[in-house]
Amino acid sequence: MSAFLQREIRNLKRKVLELGEMVETRVRNSLKAISEKDQEKAEEVVRTDYEIDEMEVDIEEECLKLLALYQPVASDLRFITAIIKINNDLERIADIAVNIANRTLVLTKNKKINFNFNYTSMIENTIKMLKTSLDCLVDIDANLARKVLVMDDKVDEEQEEAYKFAKKELLKVEKEEEAGIFINTYLISRHLERLADHCTNIAEEIIYMVDGEIIRHSLSSKKA
């Protein structure tokens, strides 16, 4: 039975990595849509979200089947339970990509109004967190996962900068549609910050998978 279980676990890992690649593509496209103010790319992210949802359900069902059929223990059990949570985080990251795309569509709808907050650094740091968290999953690397936890601090700082920018600009606006622009500017930064949080969740699950250590809510987790 162990040989069968190991084969199924390898297949499960392959599916999750495939989902991770799909999610990363959606995120990159949604963030590229912000940078380039590209309505078509943003619409594509929204239109194809169902593919992520279907795969997330398929992976969850596979995990539950393995738990029921094989009753795994020790590292195999940790792997499957961690994958259930990582699977959910990946789906939520894809949902955030859709939210960002929708905000971008709002911001690009009125060509006369310019939103000029520079997201470049925040986008780069968020993408780096996502890529690194997926690399952790590929290699099952707890040491690399701990580095993701530290990277989250920078994204939090940049989200605060976006909030200050939107707040300052809101005080200057004279028209209602202009206020909407800066509110959406802030909301995009909030979505990016939440995306980074889900990357942190993935990293924490990798650490649990490898070390059997639950570090959620730990004050020391980012200092590791």
Protein backbone atom coordinates (compact mmCIF):
# COMPACT_ATOMS: atom_id res chain seq x y z
CA MET A 1 0.00 0.00 0.00
CA SER A 2 2.90 2.34 0.75
CA ALA A 3 4.14 2.16 -2.84
CA PHE A 4 0.68 3.06 -4.11
CA LEU A 5 0.46 5.96 -1.67
CA GLN A 6 3.85 7.32 -2.71
CA ARG A 7 2.79 7.19 -6.34
CA GLU A 8 -0.41 9.08 -5.54
CA ILE A 9 1.52 11.65 -3.49
CA ARG A 10 3.87 12.27 -6.43
CA ASN A 11 0.86 12.74 -8.68
CA LEU A 12 -0.71 15.12 -6.15
CA LYS A 13 2.46 17.19 -5.98
CA ARG A 14 2.53 17.39 -9.78
CA LYS A 15 -1.04 18.71 -9.84
CA VAL A 16 -0.33 21.33 -7.17
CA LEU A 17 2.77 22.53 -9.00
CA GLU A 18 0.73 22.79 -12.19
CA LEU A 19 -1.86 24.85 -10.31
CA GLY A 20 0.96 27.02 -8.94
CA GLU A 21 2.20 27.71 -12.48
CA MET A 22 -1.30 28.66 -13.61
CA VAL A 23 -1.76 30.98 -10.63
CA GLU A 24 1.62 32.62 -11.17
CA THR A 25 0.69 33.30 -14.80
CA ARG A 26 -2.61 34.90 -13.74
CA VAL A 27 -0.85 37.07 -11.16
CA ARG A 28 1.83 38.19 -13.61
CA ASN A 29 -0.83 39.08 -16.19
CA SER A 30 -2.93 41.04 -13.71
CA LEU A 31 0.12 42.98 -12.49
CA LYS A 32 1.26 43.59 -16.04
CA ALA A 33 -2.20 44.99 -16.73
CA ILE A 34 -1.62 47.56 -13.96
CA SER A 35 1.79 48.58 -15.27
CA GLU A 36 0.67 48.85 -18.87
CA LYS A 37 -2.93 49.92 -18.17
CA ASP A 38 -3.95 47.02 -20.41
CA GLN A 39 -7.70 46.40 -20.38
CA GLU A 40 -7.51 43.34 -22.61
CA LYS A 41 -5.04 41.54 -20.35
CA ALA A 42 -7.11 42.40 -17.27
CA GLU A 43 -10.24 41.04 -18.94
CA GLU A 44 -8.43 37.80 -19.78
CA VAL A 45 -7.51 37.25 -16.12
CA VAL A 46 -11.15 37.67 -15.10
CA ARG A 47 -12.46 35.48 -17.92
CA THR A 48 -10.21 32.47 -17.19
CA ASP A 49 -10.61 32.34 -13.40
CA TYR A 50 -12.95 29.34 -13.65
CA GLU A 51 -9.97 27.16 -14.70
CA ILE A 52 -8.27 27.77 -11.35
CA ASP A 53 -11.47 27.09 -9.42
CA GLU A 54 -12.01 23.75 -11.17
CA MET A 55 -8.45 22.59 -10.54
CA GLU A 56 -8.56 23.66 -6.88
CA VAL A 57 -11.67 21.50 -6.34
CA ASP A 58 -10.03 18.56 -8.14
CA ILE A 59 -6.94 18.74 -5.92
CA GLU A 60 -8.98 18.99 -2.72
CA GLU A 61 -11.02 15.94 -3.71
CA GLU A 62 -7.79 14.06 -4.43
CA CYS A 63 -6.42 14.93 -0.99
CA LEU A 64 -9.58 13.76 0.76
CA LYS A 65 -9.53 10.52 -1.24
CA LEU A 66 -5.95 9.80 -0.15
CA LEU A 67 -6.80 10.47 3.49
CA ALA A 68 -9.79 8.13 3.33
CA LEU A 69 -8.17 5.30 1.36
CA TYR A 70 -4.68 5.16 2.82
CA GLN A 71 -4.98 6.75 6.29
CA PRO A 72 -1.43 8.16 6.01
CA VAL A 73 0.70 8.95 9.05
CA ALA A 74 3.79 11.03 9.91
CA SER A 75 5.35 12.92 6.98
CA ASP A 76 2.81 11.66 4.44
CA LEU A 77 -0.05 12.95 6.58
CA ARG A 78 1.70 16.31 7.05
CA PHE A 79 2.25 16.55 3.31
CA ILE A 80 -1.37 15.95 2.39
CA THR A 81 -2.84 18.23 5.08
CA ALA A 82 -0.37 20.98 4.10
CA ILE A 83 -1.31 20.57 0.43
CA ILE A 84 -4.99 21.07 1.30
CA LYS A 85 -4.12 24.46 2.81
CA ILE A 86 -1.64 25.43 0.08
CA ASN A 87 -4.25 24.52 -2.53
CA ASN A 88 -6.68 26.93 -0.88
CA ASP A 89 -4.07 29.69 -0.69
CA LEU A 90 -3.27 29.30 -4.38
CA GLU A 91 -6.95 29.62 -5.26
CA ARG A 92 -7.23 32.72 -3.10
CA ILE A 93 -4.15 34.22 -4.80
CA ALA A 94 -5.86 33.67 -8.14
CA ASP A 95 -8.99 35.39 -6.79
CA ILE A 96 -6.85 38.34 -5.75
CA ALA A 97 -5.41 38.48 -9.28
CA VAL A 98 -9.00 38.78 -10.51
CA ASN A 99 -9.71 41.54 -7.98
CA ILE A 100 -6.62 43.44 -9.16
CA ALA A 101 -7.69 42.99 -12.77
CA ASN A 102 -11.16 44.35 -11.96
CA ARG A 103 -9.65 47.38 -10.21
CA THR A 104 -7.43 47.96 -13.23
CA LEU A 105 -10.48 47.91 -15.50
CA VAL A 106 -12.08 50.60 -13.34
CA LEU A 107 -8.92 52.71 -13.38
CA THR A 108 -8.45 52.47 -17.15
CA LYS A 109 -12.11 53.07 -18.00
CA ASN A 110 -11.79 56.85 -17.89
CA LYS A 111 -8.88 57.77 -20.14
CA LYS A 112 -8.95 61.40 -18.97
CA ILE A 113 -8.00 60.55 -15.41
CA ASN A 114 -4.49 59.39 -14.67
CA PHE A 115 -3.54 57.23 -11.70
CA ASN A 116 0.13 57.76 -11.15
CA PHE A 117 1.14 55.75 -8.09
CA ASN A 118 4.27 53.76 -8.96
CA TYR A 119 3.58 50.10 -8.17
CA THR A 120 6.83 48.85 -9.70
CA SER A 121 8.67 47.98 -6.49
CA MET A 122 5.61 46.51 -4.77
CA ILE A 123 4.82 44.40 -7.83
CA GLU A 124 8.40 43.14 -8.08
CA ASN A 125 8.50 42.23 -4.38
CA THR A 126 5.12 40.50 -4.51
CA ILE A 127 6.10 38.47 -7.59
CA LYS A 128 9.38 37.54 -5.88
CA MET A 129 7.46 36.29 -2.84
CA LEU A 130 5.12 34.25 -5.02
CA LYS A 131 7.93 32.73 -7.07
CA THR A 132 9.98 31.94 -3.97
CA SER A 133 7.05 30.33 -2.18
CA LEU A 134 6.43 28.14 -5.25
CA ASP A 135 10.14 27.26 -5.36
CA CYS A 136 9.80 26.16 -1.72
CA LEU A 137 7.01 23.85 -2.81
CA VAL A 138 9.00 22.41 -5.71
CA ASP A 139 12.01 21.61 -3.53
CA ILE A 140 10.17 21.19 -0.20
CA ASP A 141 12.71 23.64 1.22
CA ALA A 142 11.96 24.88 4.74
CA ASN A 143 15.03 27.16 4.87
CA LEU A 144 13.93 29.01 1.75
CA ALA A 145 10.40 29.17 3.14
CA ARG A 146 11.67 31.05 6.19
CA LYS A 147 13.12 33.70 3.88
CA VAL A 148 9.66 34.30 2.44
CA LEU A 149 8.40 35.23 5.89
CA VAL A 150 10.96 38.02 6.13
CA MET A 151 10.20 39.31 2.61
CA ASP A 152 6.62 40.08 3.64
CA ASP A 153 7.73 43.06 5.75
CA LYS A 154 8.77 45.07 2.70
CA VAL A 155 5.43 44.57 0.99
CA ASP A 156 3.66 45.72 4.15
CA GLU A 157 5.74 48.91 4.14
CA GLU A 158 4.93 49.61 0.50
CA GLN A 159 1.24 49.06 1.10
CA GLU A 160 1.40 51.72 3.80
CA GLU A 161 3.06 54.09 1.33
CA ALA A 162 0.23 53.53 -1.15
CA TYR A 163 -2.30 54.27 1.58
CA LYS A 164 -0.56 57.56 2.42
CA PHE A 165 -0.43 58.49 -1.26
CA ALA A 166 -4.15 57.82 -1.80
CA LYS A 167 -5.09 59.69 1.38
CA LYS A 168 -3.04 62.74 0.37
CA GLU A 169 -4.46 62.80 -3.16
CA LEU A 170 -8.03 62.39 -1.93
CA LEU A 171 -7.73 65.69 -0.09
CA LYS A 172 -7.03 67.44 -3.41
CA VAL A 173 -9.83 66.02 -5.55
CA GLU A 174 -12.77 68.08 -6.73
CA LYS A 175 -14.73 65.47 -8.69
CA GLU A 176 -16.32 62.24 -7.51
CA GLU A 177 -14.72 60.11 -10.25
CA GLU A 178 -11.29 61.38 -9.22
CA ALA A 179 -11.91 60.19 -5.67
CA GLY A 180 -12.76 56.75 -7.05
CA ILE A 181 -9.40 56.60 -8.79
CA PHE A 182 -7.44 57.06 -5.58
CA ILE A 183 -9.66 54.69 -3.62
CA ASN A 184 -8.99 52.02 -6.23
CA THR A 185 -5.29 52.87 -6.10
CA TYR A 186 -5.33 52.05 -2.41
CA LEU A 187 -7.39 48.90 -2.93
CA ILE A 188 -4.90 47.55 -5.49
CA SER A 189 -2.12 47.96 -2.95
CA ARG A 190 -4.30 46.20 -0.39
CA HIS A 191 -4.82 43.30 -2.78
CA LEU A 192 -1.06 43.06 -3.33
CA GLU A 193 -0.49 42.99 0.42
CA ARG A 194 -3.07 40.21 0.84
CA LEU A 195 -1.43 38.27 -2.00
CA ALA A 196 1.87 38.48 -0.14
CA ASP A 197 0.13 37.20 3.01
CA HIS A 198 -1.02 34.09 1.15
CA CYS A 199 2.54 33.52 -0.05
CA THR A 200 3.55 33.66 3.61
CA ASN A 201 0.88 31.07 4.40
CA ILE A 202 2.33 28.75 1.76
CA ALA A 203 5.81 29.16 3.22
CA GLU A 204 4.49 28.37 6.70
CA GLU A 205 2.88 25.18 5.42
CA ILE A 206 6.16 24.10 3.80
CA ILE A 207 7.88 24.56 7.16
CA TYR A 208 5.16 22.45 8.79
CA MET A 209 5.49 19.84 6.04
CA VAL A 210 9.25 19.50 6.56
CA ASP A 211 9.72 20.15 10.27
CA GLY A 212 6.31 19.36 11.71
CA GLU A 213 6.36 22.84 13.27
CA ILE A 214 3.27 25.06 13.25
CA ILE A 215 4.50 28.66 13.24
CA ARG A 216 1.31 30.55 12.43
CA HIS A 217 0.79 33.49 14.81
CA SER A 218 4.32 33.05 16.13
CA LEU A 219 6.00 36.38 16.91
CA SER A 220 9.34 34.83 16.13
CA SER A 221 8.42 33.25 12.79
CA LYS A 222 9.66 36.16 10.69
CA LYS A 223 12.92 36.32 12.59
CA ALA A 224 13.89 32.75 11.82
